[in-house]
C-alpha atoms as a PDB file:
ATOM      1  CA  MET A   1      -5.990   6.459  41.286  1.00  0.00           C
ATOM      2  CA  ASP A   2      -3.322   6.474  38.279  1.00  0.00           C
ATOM      3  CA  ASP A   3      -2.855   9.860  36.997  1.00  0.00           C
ATOM      4  CA  GLN A   4      -1.473   8.811  33.888  1.00  0.00           C
ATOM      5  CA  LYS A   5      -1.999  10.578  30.470  1.00  0.00           C
ATOM      6  CA  PRO A   6      -3.202   7.643  27.692  1.00  0.00           C
ATOM      7  CA  VAL A   7      -0.268   8.017  24.962  1.00  0.00           C
ATOM      8  CA  TYR A   8      -1.117   9.595  21.750  1.00  0.00           C
ATOM      9  CA  THR A   9      -0.467   7.143  18.958  1.00  0.00           C
ATOM     10  CA  PRO A  10      -0.423   8.651  15.781  1.00  0.00           C
ATOM     11  CA  ALA A  11      -1.943   7.270  12.190  1.00  0.00           C
ATOM     12  CA  SER A  12      -0.380   5.290   9.707  1.00  0.00           C
ATOM     13  CA  PHE A  13       1.661   6.231   7.123  1.00  0.00           C
ATOM     14  CA  GLU A  14      -1.262   4.111   5.020  1.00  0.00           C
ATOM     15  CA  LYS A  15      -4.396   5.986   6.945  1.00  0.00           C
ATOM     16  CA  ARG A  16      -2.676   9.636   6.472  1.00  0.00           C
ATOM     17  CA  THR A  17      -1.726   8.450   2.744  1.00  0.00           C
ATOM     18  CA  ALA A  18      -6.037   6.952   2.496  1.00  0.00           C
ATOM     19  CA  ALA A  19      -6.898  10.540   4.257  1.00  0.00           C
ATOM     20  CA  TRP A  20      -5.104  12.633   1.696  1.00  0.00           C
ATOM     21  CA  MET A  21      -6.227  10.201  -1.288  1.00  0.00           C
ATOM     22  CA  GLY A  22     -10.044  11.041   0.559  1.00  0.00           C
ATOM     23  CA  ILE A  23      -9.390  15.028   0.390  1.00  0.00           C
ATOM     24  CA  ALA A  24      -8.762  14.707  -4.024  1.00  0.00           C
ATOM     25  CA  TYR A  25     -11.905  12.849  -3.698  1.00  0.00           C
ATOM     26  CA  VAL A  26     -13.994  15.507  -2.309  1.00  0.00           C
ATOM     27  CA  LEU A  27     -12.593  18.222  -4.266  1.00  0.00           C
ATOM     28  CA  MET A  28     -13.246  16.427  -7.710  1.00  0.00           C
ATOM     29  CA  LEU A  29     -16.943  15.589  -6.232  1.00  0.00           C
ATOM     30  CA  LEU A  30     -17.537  19.230  -4.987  1.00  0.00           C
ATOM     31  CA  PHE A  31     -15.745  20.496  -8.595  1.00  0.00           C
ATOM     32  CA  ILE A  32     -18.503  17.658  -9.838  1.00  0.00           C
ATOM     33  CA  LEU A  33     -21.631  19.202  -8.323  1.00  0.00           C
ATOM     34  CA  ASN A  34     -20.541  22.905  -8.323  1.00  0.00           C
ATOM     35  CA  PHE A  35     -20.215  22.166 -12.443  1.00  0.00           C
ATOM     36  CA  THR A  36     -23.572  21.079 -12.912  1.00  0.00           C
ATOM     37  CA  LEU A  37     -25.247  23.646 -10.699  1.00  0.00           C
ATOM     38  CA  PHE A  38     -23.100  26.725 -12.327  1.00  0.00           C
ATOM     39  CA  THR A  39     -24.144  25.424 -15.609  1.00  0.00           C
ATOM     40  CA  GLY A  40     -27.635  24.875 -15.343  1.00  0.00           C
ATOM     41  CA  GLY A  41     -27.366  20.986 -15.329  1.00  0.00           C
ATOM     42  CA  ARG A  42     -24.616  20.117 -17.729  1.00  0.00           C
ATOM     43  CA  GLN A  43     -23.067  16.713 -17.068  1.00  0.00           C
ATOM     44  CA  LEU A  44     -19.354  16.155 -17.638  1.00  0.00           C
ATOM     45  CA  PRO A  45     -19.790  12.716 -19.154  1.00  0.00           C
ATOM     46  CA  GLY A  46     -16.780  10.735 -20.287  1.00  0.00           C
ATOM     47  CA  THR A  47     -14.621  12.159 -16.503  1.00  0.00           C
ATOM     48  CA  PHE A  48     -14.881   8.826 -15.134  1.00  0.00           C
ATOM     49  CA  PRO A  49     -11.620   7.725 -15.595  1.00  0.00           C
ATOM     50  CA  LEU A  50     -10.505  10.471 -13.637  1.00  0.00           C
ATOM     51  CA  PHE A  51     -11.535   8.921 -10.527  1.00  0.00           C
ATOM     52  CA  LEU A  52      -8.886   6.636 -11.413  1.00  0.00           C
ATOM     53  CA  VAL A  53      -5.870   8.818 -10.771  1.00  0.00           C
ATOM     54  CA  PRO A  54      -6.023   9.404  -6.818  1.00  0.00           C
ATOM     55  CA  VAL A  55      -6.188   5.433  -5.589  1.00  0.00           C
ATOM     56  CA  SER A  56      -3.445   4.670  -8.440  1.00  0.00           C
ATOM     57  CA  VAL A  57      -1.628   7.399  -6.400  1.00  0.00           C
ATOM     58  CA  ALA A  58      -1.868   7.248  -3.208  1.00  0.00           C
ATOM     59  CA  LEU A  59      -0.773   3.107  -3.689  1.00  0.00           C
ATOM     60  CA  ALA A  60       2.519   4.301  -5.121  1.00  0.00           C
ATOM     61  CA  VAL A  61       2.857   6.593  -2.486  1.00  0.00           C
ATOM     62  CA  VAL A  62       2.765   3.613  -0.411  1.00  0.00           C
ATOM     63  CA  LEU A  63       3.960   1.012  -1.991  1.00  0.00           C
ATOM     64  CA  ILE A  64       7.002   3.467  -2.504  1.00  0.00           C
ATOM     65  CA  HIS A  65       7.425   4.205   1.443  1.00  0.00           C
ATOM     66  CA  ARG A  66       6.836   0.683   2.094  1.00  0.00           C
ATOM     67  CA  LEU A  67       9.940  -0.284  -0.235  1.00  0.00           C
ATOM     68  CA  ARG A  68      11.987   1.847   1.405  1.00  0.00           C
ATOM     69  CA  SER A  69      11.134   0.831   5.226  1.00  0.00           C
ATOM     70  CA  LYS A  70      11.123  -2.983   3.857  1.00  0.00           C
ATOM     71  CA  THR A  71       8.123  -3.875   4.604  1.00  0.00           C
ATOM     72  CA  LEU A  72       6.443  -4.537   1.446  1.00  0.00           C
ATOM     73  CA  PRO A  73       5.300  -8.348   1.420  1.00  0.00           C
ATOM     74  CA  GLY A  74       6.611  -8.968  -2.657  1.00  0.00           C
ATOM     75  CA  GLY A  75       9.991  -7.376  -1.998  1.00  0.00           C
ATOM     76  CA  VAL A  76      11.149  -5.485  -4.843  1.00  0.00           C
ATOM     77  CA  ALA A  77       9.284  -7.548  -7.560  1.00  0.00           C
ATOM     78  CA  GLY A  78       5.979  -6.766  -6.240  1.00  0.00           C
ATOM     79  CA  ALA A  79       7.133  -3.379  -6.021  1.00  0.00           C
ATOM     80  CA  ALA A  80       7.942  -3.036  -9.805  1.00  0.00           C
ATOM     81  CA  LEU A  81       4.778  -5.065 -10.619  1.00  0.00           C
ATOM     82  CA  GLY A  82       2.299  -2.613  -8.290  1.00  0.00           C
ATOM     83  CA  LEU A  83       4.521   0.411  -9.951  1.00  0.00           C
ATOM     84  CA  ILE A  84       3.772  -0.504 -13.452  1.00  0.00           C
ATOM     85  CA  VAL A  85       0.088  -1.095 -12.134  1.00  0.00           C
ATOM     86  CA  CYS A  86       0.021   2.366 -10.399  1.00  0.00           C
ATOM     87  CA  ALA A  87       1.442   4.402 -13.388  1.00  0.00           C
ATOM     88  CA  ALA A  88      -0.659   2.373 -15.814  1.00  0.00           C
ATOM     89  CA  GLY A  89      -3.574   3.414 -13.889  1.00  0.00           C
ATOM     90  CA  VAL A  90      -2.457   7.319 -13.934  1.00  0.00           C
ATOM     91  CA  PHE A  91      -2.036   7.076 -17.367  1.00  0.00           C
ATOM     92  CA  PHE A  92      -5.130   5.432 -18.660  1.00  0.00           C
ATOM     93  CA  GLY A  93      -7.100   7.643 -16.364  1.00  0.00           C
ATOM     94  CA  LEU A  94      -5.457  10.886 -17.680  1.00  0.00           C
ATOM     95  CA  ALA A  95      -5.552   9.696 -21.659  1.00  0.00           C
ATOM     96  CA  LEU A  96      -9.235   8.988 -21.204  1.00  0.00           C
ATOM     97  CA  GLY A  97     -10.782  11.561 -18.853  1.00  0.00           C
ATOM     98  CA  VAL A  98      -8.774  14.616 -19.843  1.00  0.00           C
ATOM     99  CA  PRO A  99      -9.650  14.731 -23.251  1.00  0.00           C
ATOM    100  CA  ALA A 100     -13.315  14.245 -21.988  1.00  0.00           C
ATOM    101  CA  LEU A 101     -13.274  16.549 -19.508  1.00  0.00           C
ATOM    102  CA  LEU A 102     -11.773  19.036 -21.892  1.00  0.00           C
ATOM    103  CA  ALA A 103     -14.839  18.777 -24.303  1.00  0.00           C
ATOM    104  CA  ALA A 104     -17.196  18.719 -21.426  1.00  0.00           C
ATOM    105  CA  LEU A 105     -15.961  22.261 -19.998  1.00  0.00           C
ATOM    106  CA  GLY A 106     -15.221  23.539 -24.070  1.00  0.00           C
ATOM    107  CA  ALA A 107     -12.288  24.096 -24.302  1.00  0.00           C
END
């Protein structure tokens, strides 16, 4: 009989980053649901662009990690283009979503 234990293999960096992104989305959805429940059915119109922020940040983190470990297929040029797109996603997500969120919250 073979008494060897299976070797533990941790999740890849990309999978762990995706898990943290998922946690951010769950927290956002919980906020929306609780807001709707505790305010008598009020909604948060115009806040959907905020959902662009977690995926943009997660993609930027993965791009930087792959660039540092030299495993990015596009090299530095691909990383630069990807990071520009991620920065645009974060900027537009916040620029369009935060004013709508503040208006919906009555601030």
